Structures are given as C-alpha cells and as structure tokens.
PDB file of all heavy atoms in Angstrom:
ATOM      1  N   TYR A   1       0.845  -1.201   0.000  1.00  0.00           N
ATOM      2  CA  TYR A   1       0.000   0.000   0.000  1.00  0.00           C
ATOM      3  C   TYR A   1       0.875   1.244   0.000  1.00  0.00           C
ATOM      4  O   TYR A   1       1.859   1.339   0.739  1.00  0.00           O
ATOM      5  CB  TYR A   1      -0.910   0.019   1.223  1.00  0.00           C
ATOM      6  CG  TYR A   1      -1.990   1.073   1.151  1.00  0.00           C
ATOM      7  CD1 TYR A   1      -3.227   0.792   0.570  1.00  0.00           C
ATOM      8  CD2 TYR A   1      -1.770   2.357   1.649  1.00  0.00           C
ATOM      9  CE1 TYR A   1      -4.215   1.767   0.490  1.00  0.00           C
ATOM     10  CE2 TYR A   1      -2.754   3.329   1.561  1.00  0.00           C
ATOM     11  CZ  TYR A   1      -3.971   3.035   0.985  1.00  0.00           C
ATOM     12  OH  TYR A   1      -4.930   4.000   0.891  1.00  0.00           O
ATOM     13  N   ARG A   2       0.510   2.216  -0.845  1.00  0.00           N
ATOM     14  CA  ARG A   2       1.202   3.501  -0.875  1.00  0.00           C
ATOM     15  C   ARG A   2       0.165   4.607  -1.008  1.00  0.00           C
ATOM     16  O   ARG A   2      -0.766   4.506  -1.812  1.00  0.00           O
ATOM     17  CB  ARG A   2       2.201   3.557  -2.031  1.00  0.00           C
ATOM     18  CG  ARG A   2       2.993   4.852  -2.086  1.00  0.00           C
ATOM     19  CD  ARG A   2       4.125   4.774  -3.094  1.00  0.00           C
ATOM     20  NE  ARG A   2       5.156   3.831  -2.667  1.00  0.00           N
ATOM     21  CZ  ARG A   2       6.236   3.545  -3.406  1.00  0.00           C
ATOM     22  NH1 ARG A   2       6.399   4.114  -4.586  1.00  0.00           N
ATOM     23  NH2 ARG A   2       7.127   2.703  -2.958  1.00  0.00           N
ATOM     24  N   GLU A   3       0.339   5.666  -0.215  1.00  0.00           N
ATOM     25  CA  GLU A   3      -0.610   6.779  -0.188  1.00  0.00           C
ATOM     26  C   GLU A   3      -0.901   7.276  -1.604  1.00  0.00           C
ATOM     27  O   GLU A   3      -0.006   7.482  -2.409  1.00  0.00           O
ATOM     28  CB  GLU A   3      -0.051   7.924   0.655  1.00  0.00           C
ATOM     29  CG  GLU A   3      -1.025   9.060   0.885  1.00  0.00           C
ATOM     30  CD  GLU A   3      -2.186   8.672   1.775  1.00  0.00           C
ATOM     31  OE1 GLU A   3      -2.033   7.727   2.577  1.00  0.00           O
ATOM     32  OE2 GLU A   3      -3.248   9.310   1.670  1.00  0.00           O
ATOM     33  N   GLY A   4      -2.183   7.468  -1.911  1.00  0.00           N
ATOM     34  CA  GLY A   4      -2.575   7.949  -3.234  1.00  0.00           C
ATOM     35  C   GLY A   4      -2.768   6.809  -4.207  1.00  0.00           C
ATOM     36  O   GLY A   4      -3.825   6.660  -4.826  1.00  0.00           O
ATOM     37  N   TYR A   5      -1.735   5.965  -4.341  1.00  0.00           N
ATOM     38  CA  TYR A   5      -1.793   4.830  -5.266  1.00  0.00           C
ATOM     39  C   TYR A   5      -2.695   3.708  -4.747  1.00  0.00           C
ATOM     40  O   TYR A   5      -3.174   2.893  -5.520  1.00  0.00           O
ATOM     41  CB  TYR A   5      -0.407   4.244  -5.482  1.00  0.00           C
ATOM     42  CG  TYR A   5       0.495   5.009  -6.419  1.00  0.00           C
ATOM     43  CD1 TYR A   5       1.574   5.737  -5.951  1.00  0.00           C
ATOM     44  CD2 TYR A   5       0.292   4.962  -7.797  1.00  0.00           C
ATOM     45  CE1 TYR A   5       2.423   6.419  -6.819  1.00  0.00           C
ATOM     46  CE2 TYR A   5       1.132   5.624  -8.677  1.00  0.00           C
ATOM     47  CZ  TYR A   5       2.200   6.351  -8.182  1.00  0.00           C
ATOM     48  OH  TYR A   5       3.034   7.020  -9.043  1.00  0.00           O
ATOM     49  N   GLY A   6      -2.882   3.637  -3.430  1.00  0.00           N
ATOM     50  CA  GLY A   6      -3.581   2.490  -2.872  1.00  0.00           C
ATOM     51  C   GLY A   6      -2.695   1.264  -2.970  1.00  0.00           C
ATOM     52  O   GLY A   6      -1.459   1.344  -2.862  1.00  0.00           O
ATOM     53  N   ASN A   7      -3.305   0.098  -3.158  1.00  0.00           N
ATOM     54  CA  ASN A   7      -2.520  -1.120  -3.349  1.00  0.00           C
ATOM     55  C   ASN A   7      -1.804  -1.032  -4.696  1.00  0.00           C
ATOM     56  O   ASN A   7      -2.441  -0.845  -5.736  1.00  0.00           O
ATOM     57  CB  ASN A   7      -3.414  -2.356  -3.303  1.00  0.00           C
ATOM     58  CG  ASN A   7      -3.949  -2.632  -1.908  1.00  0.00           C
ATOM     59  OD1 ASN A   7      -3.261  -2.384  -0.921  1.00  0.00           O
ATOM     60  ND2 ASN A   7      -5.181  -3.120  -1.806  1.00  0.00           N
ATOM     61  N   LEU A   8      -0.473  -1.175  -4.636  1.00  0.00           N
ATOM     62  CA  LEU A   8       0.375  -0.865  -5.792  1.00  0.00           C
ATOM     63  C   LEU A   8       1.395  -1.969  -6.025  1.00  0.00           C
ATOM     64  O   LEU A   8       1.967  -2.511  -5.074  1.00  0.00           O
ATOM     65  CB  LEU A   8       1.112   0.458  -5.519  1.00  0.00           C
ATOM     66  CG  LEU A   8       2.235   0.867  -6.461  1.00  0.00           C
ATOM     67  CD1 LEU A   8       1.677   1.285  -7.815  1.00  0.00           C
ATOM     68  CD2 LEU A   8       3.053   2.014  -5.843  1.00  0.00           C
ATOM     69  N   VAL A   9       1.624  -2.259  -7.312  1.00  0.00           N
ATOM     70  CA  VAL A   9       2.725  -3.137  -7.703  1.00  0.00           C
ATOM     71  C   VAL A   9       3.630  -2.350  -8.642  1.00  0.00           C
ATOM     72  O   VAL A   9       3.156  -1.736  -9.604  1.00  0.00           O
ATOM     73  CB  VAL A   9       2.229  -4.419  -8.403  1.00  0.00           C
ATOM     74  CG1 VAL A   9       3.422  -5.221  -8.949  1.00  0.00           C
ATOM     75  CG2 VAL A   9       1.429  -5.287  -7.435  1.00  0.00           C
ATOM     76  N   VAL A  10       4.927  -2.341  -8.346  1.00  0.00           N
ATOM     77  CA  VAL A  10       5.930  -1.686  -9.181  1.00  0.00           C
ATOM     78  C   VAL A  10       6.869  -2.760  -9.712  1.00  0.00           C
ATOM     79  O   VAL A  10       7.402  -3.558  -8.935  1.00  0.00           O
ATOM     80  CB  VAL A  10       6.734  -0.641  -8.380  1.00  0.00           C
ATOM     81  CG1 VAL A  10       7.802  -0.003  -9.261  1.00  0.00           C
ATOM     82  CG2 VAL A  10       5.805   0.416  -7.800  1.00  0.00           C
ATOM     83  N   VAL A  11       7.060  -2.791 -11.025  1.00  0.00           N
ATOM     84  CA  VAL A  11       7.931  -3.789 -11.656  1.00  0.00           C
ATOM     85  C   VAL A  11       9.064  -3.064 -12.371  1.00  0.00           C
ATOM     86  O   VAL A  11       8.817  -2.172 -13.187  1.00  0.00           O
ATOM     87  CB  VAL A  11       7.156  -4.676 -12.651  1.00  0.00           C
ATOM     88  CG1 VAL A  11       8.099  -5.681 -13.312  1.00  0.00           C
ATOM     89  CG2 VAL A  11       6.020  -5.411 -11.938  1.00  0.00           C
ATOM     90  N   ASN A  12      10.301  -3.440 -12.064  1.00  0.00           N
ATOM     91  CA  ASN A  12      11.457  -2.923 -12.778  1.00  0.00           C
ATOM     92  C   ASN A  12      11.818  -3.863 -13.923  1.00  0.00           C
ATOM     93  O   ASN A  12      11.895  -5.084 -13.738  1.00  0.00           O
ATOM     94  CB  ASN A  12      12.653  -2.772 -11.834  1.00  0.00           C
ATOM     95  CG  ASN A  12      12.502  -1.594 -10.886  1.00  0.00           C
ATOM     96  OD1 ASN A  12      11.593  -0.781 -11.040  1.00  0.00           O
ATOM     97  ND2 ASN A  12      13.377  -1.506  -9.899  1.00  0.00           N
ATOM     98  N   HIS A  13      12.027  -3.261 -15.084  1.00  0.00           N
ATOM     99  CA  HIS A  13      12.361  -4.027 -16.290  1.00  0.00           C
ATOM    100  C   HIS A  13      13.783  -3.695 -16.736  1.00  0.00           C
ATOM    101  O   HIS A  13      14.444  -2.828 -16.158  1.00  0.00           O
ATOM    102  CB  HIS A  13      11.368  -3.691 -17.412  1.00  0.00           C
ATOM    103  CG  HIS A  13       9.937  -3.849 -17.018  1.00  0.00           C
ATOM    104  ND1 HIS A  13       9.248  -5.041 -17.113  1.00  0.00           N
ATOM    105  CD2 HIS A  13       9.045  -2.950 -16.497  1.00  0.00           C
ATOM    106  CE1 HIS A  13       8.003  -4.870 -16.693  1.00  0.00           C
ATOM    107  NE2 HIS A  13       7.857  -3.616 -16.308  1.00  0.00           N
ATOM    108  N   ALA A  14      14.238  -4.367 -17.774  1.00  0.00           N
ATOM    109  CA  ALA A  14      15.551  -4.083 -18.339  1.00  0.00           C
ATOM    110  C   ALA A  14      15.556  -2.697 -18.985  1.00  0.00           C
ATOM    111  O   ALA A  14      14.506  -2.074 -19.165  1.00  0.00           O
ATOM    112  CB  ALA A  14      15.914  -5.155 -19.372  1.00  0.00           C
ATOM    113  N   GLN A  15      16.755  -2.195 -19.302  1.00  0.00           N
ATOM    114  CA  GLN A  15      16.941  -0.927 -20.011  1.00  0.00           C
ATOM    115  C   GLN A  15      16.360   0.266 -19.252  1.00  0.00           C
ATOM    116  O   GLN A  15      15.901   1.234 -19.844  1.00  0.00           O
ATOM    117  CB  GLN A  15      16.349  -1.014 -21.423  1.00  0.00           C
ATOM    118  CG  GLN A  15      16.980  -2.106 -22.273  1.00  0.00           C
ATOM    119  CD  GLN A  15      16.384  -2.179 -23.658  1.00  0.00           C
ATOM    120  OE1 GLN A  15      15.931  -1.191 -24.207  1.00  0.00           O
ATOM    121  NE2 GLN A  15      16.395  -3.379 -24.239  1.00  0.00           N
ATOM    122  N   GLY A  16      16.367   0.190 -17.923  1.00  0.00           N
ATOM    123  CA  GLY A  16      15.958   1.332 -17.114  1.00  0.00           C
ATOM    124  C   GLY A  16      14.488   1.676 -17.198  1.00  0.00           C
ATOM    125  O   GLY A  16      14.105   2.839 -17.031  1.00  0.00           O
ATOM    126  N   LYS A  17      13.625   0.687 -17.420  1.00  0.00           N
ATOM    127  CA  LYS A  17      12.184   0.922 -17.492  1.00  0.00           C
ATOM    128  C   LYS A  17      11.487   0.382 -16.251  1.00  0.00           C
ATOM    129  O   LYS A  17      11.936  -0.579 -15.627  1.00  0.00           O
ATOM    130  CB  LYS A  17      11.581   0.260 -18.739  1.00  0.00           C
ATOM    131  CG  LYS A  17      12.043   0.876 -20.054  1.00  0.00           C
ATOM    132  CD  LYS A  17      11.485   2.268 -20.227  1.00  0.00           C
ATOM    133  CE  LYS A  17      11.886   2.857 -21.563  1.00  0.00           C
ATOM    134  NZ  LYS A  17      11.325   4.194 -21.782  1.00  0.00           N
ATOM    135  N   GLN A  18      10.383   1.020 -15.913  1.00  0.00           N
ATOM    136  CA  GLN A  18       9.582   0.611 -14.768  1.00  0.00           C
ATOM    137  C   GLN A  18       8.104   0.765 -15.100  1.00  0.00           C
ATOM    138  O   GLN A  18       7.711   1.716 -15.777  1.00  0.00           O
ATOM    139  CB  GLN A  18       9.924   1.473 -13.555  1.00  0.00           C
ATOM    140  CG  GLN A  18       9.182   1.111 -12.278  1.00  0.00           C
ATOM    141  CD  GLN A  18       9.507   2.084 -11.152  1.00  0.00           C
ATOM    142  OE1 GLN A  18       8.853   3.121 -11.023  1.00  0.00           O
ATOM    143  NE2 GLN A  18      10.521   1.760 -10.351  1.00  0.00           N
ATOM    144  N   THR A  19       7.275  -0.159 -14.622  1.00  0.00           N
ATOM    145  CA  THR A  19       5.822  -0.026 -14.775  1.00  0.00           C
ATOM    146  C   THR A  19       5.172  -0.071 -13.395  1.00  0.00           C
ATOM    147  O   THR A  19       5.667  -0.721 -12.472  1.00  0.00           O
ATOM    148  CB  THR A  19       5.229  -1.135 -15.665  1.00  0.00           C
ATOM    149  OG1 THR A  19       5.670  -2.424 -15.195  1.00  0.00           O
ATOM    150  CG2 THR A  19       5.678  -0.947 -17.105  1.00  0.00           C
ATOM    151  N   ARG A  20       4.048   0.665 -13.275  1.00  0.00           N
ATOM    152  CA  ARG A  20       3.326   0.732 -12.009  1.00  0.00           C
ATOM    153  C   ARG A  20       1.846   0.416 -12.244  1.00  0.00           C
ATOM    154  O   ARG A  20       1.251   0.889 -13.216  1.00  0.00           O
ATOM    155  CB  ARG A  20       3.471   2.113 -11.375  1.00  0.00           C
ATOM    156  CG  ARG A  20       4.919   2.493 -11.075  1.00  0.00           C
ATOM    157  CD  ARG A  20       5.037   3.832 -10.366  1.00  0.00           C
ATOM    158  NE  ARG A  20       6.433   4.161 -10.080  1.00  0.00           N
ATOM    159  CZ  ARG A  20       6.842   5.177  -9.347  1.00  0.00           C
ATOM    160  NH1 ARG A  20       5.950   5.989  -8.785  1.00  0.00           N
ATOM    161  NH2 ARG A  20       8.132   5.395  -9.147  1.00  0.00           N
ATOM    162  N   TYR A  21       1.259  -0.341 -11.318  1.00  0.00           N
ATOM    163  CA  TYR A  21      -0.125  -0.800 -11.425  1.00  0.00           C
ATOM    164  C   TYR A  21      -0.805  -0.441 -10.098  1.00  0.00           C
ATOM    165  O   TYR A  21      -0.476  -1.026  -9.054  1.00  0.00           O
ATOM    166  CB  TYR A  21      -0.159  -2.310 -11.663  1.00  0.00           C
ATOM    167  CG  TYR A  21       0.785  -2.784 -12.756  1.00  0.00           C
ATOM    168  CD1 TYR A  21       2.160  -2.892 -12.529  1.00  0.00           C
ATOM    169  CD2 TYR A  21       0.317  -3.135 -14.027  1.00  0.00           C
ATOM    170  CE1 TYR A  21       3.030  -3.319 -13.519  1.00  0.00           C
ATOM    171  CE2 TYR A  21       1.181  -3.568 -15.027  1.00  0.00           C
ATOM    172  CZ  TYR A  21       2.537  -3.654 -14.765  1.00  0.00           C
ATOM    173  OH  TYR A  21       3.409  -4.083 -15.753  1.00  0.00           O
ATOM    174  N   ALA A  22      -1.760   0.502 -10.139  1.00  0.00           N
ATOM    175  CA  ALA A  22      -2.258   1.093  -8.895  1.00  0.00           C
ATOM    176  C   ALA A  22      -3.767   0.932  -8.710  1.00  0.00           C
ATOM    177  O   ALA A  22      -4.494   0.563  -9.637  1.00  0.00           O
ATOM    178  CB  ALA A  22      -1.888   2.574  -8.851  1.00  0.00           C
ATOM    179  N   HIS A  23      -4.214   1.263  -7.474  1.00  0.00           N
ATOM    180  CA  HIS A  23      -5.609   1.200  -7.019  1.00  0.00           C
ATOM    181  C   HIS A  23      -6.122  -0.247  -6.989  1.00  0.00           C
ATOM    182  O   HIS A  23      -7.328  -0.497  -7.151  1.00  0.00           O
ATOM    183  CB  HIS A  23      -6.532   2.061  -7.905  1.00  0.00           C
ATOM    184  CG  HIS A  23      -6.112   3.482  -8.028  1.00  0.00           C
ATOM    185  ND1 HIS A  23      -5.635   4.213  -6.962  1.00  0.00           N
ATOM    186  CD2 HIS A  23      -6.083   4.324  -9.110  1.00  0.00           C
ATOM    187  CE1 HIS A  23      -5.338   5.441  -7.368  1.00  0.00           C
ATOM    188  NE2 HIS A  23      -5.586   5.528  -8.658  1.00  0.00           N
ATOM    189  N   LEU A  24      -5.224  -1.199  -6.805  1.00  0.00           N
ATOM    190  CA  LEU A  24      -5.608  -2.607  -6.856  1.00  0.00           C
ATOM    191  C   LEU A  24      -6.462  -3.012  -5.659  1.00  0.00           C
ATOM    192  O   LEU A  24      -6.302  -2.500  -4.545  1.00  0.00           O
ATOM    193  CB  LEU A  24      -4.356  -3.485  -6.905  1.00  0.00           C
ATOM    194  CG  LEU A  24      -3.369  -3.204  -8.041  1.00  0.00           C
ATOM    195  CD1 LEU A  24      -2.204  -4.180  -7.970  1.00  0.00           C
ATOM    196  CD2 LEU A  24      -4.044  -3.258  -9.394  1.00  0.00           C
ATOM    197  N   LEU A  25      -7.354  -3.943  -5.904  1.00  0.00           N
ATOM    198  CA  LEU A  25      -8.129  -4.539  -4.815  1.00  0.00           C
ATOM    199  C   LEU A  25      -7.197  -5.307  -3.892  1.00  0.00           C
ATOM    200  O   LEU A  25      -7.301  -5.226  -2.662  1.00  0.00           O
ATOM    201  CB  LEU A  25      -9.197  -5.471  -5.396  1.00  0.00           C
ATOM    202  CG  LEU A  25     -10.066  -6.240  -4.406  1.00  0.00           C
ATOM    203  CD1 LEU A  25     -10.952  -5.279  -3.630  1.00  0.00           C
ATOM    204  CD2 LEU A  25     -10.917  -7.272  -5.147  1.00  0.00           C
TER     205      LEU A  25
END
C-alpha cells in the first residue's frame, strides 16, 4: 500500500524501465 496509489505493484524491467499498477483490490 502507498498513499494515493492504494494497493500498488511496481515492476522494474531491463533498459531502465519501470511499470506501475495502482488502485488494486
């Protein structure tokens, strides 16, 4: 859990990329 985002998953990928998935149940 992170303020604002709610339940959140952050994934780090190759080549300095990141994706975020927020407001999850």
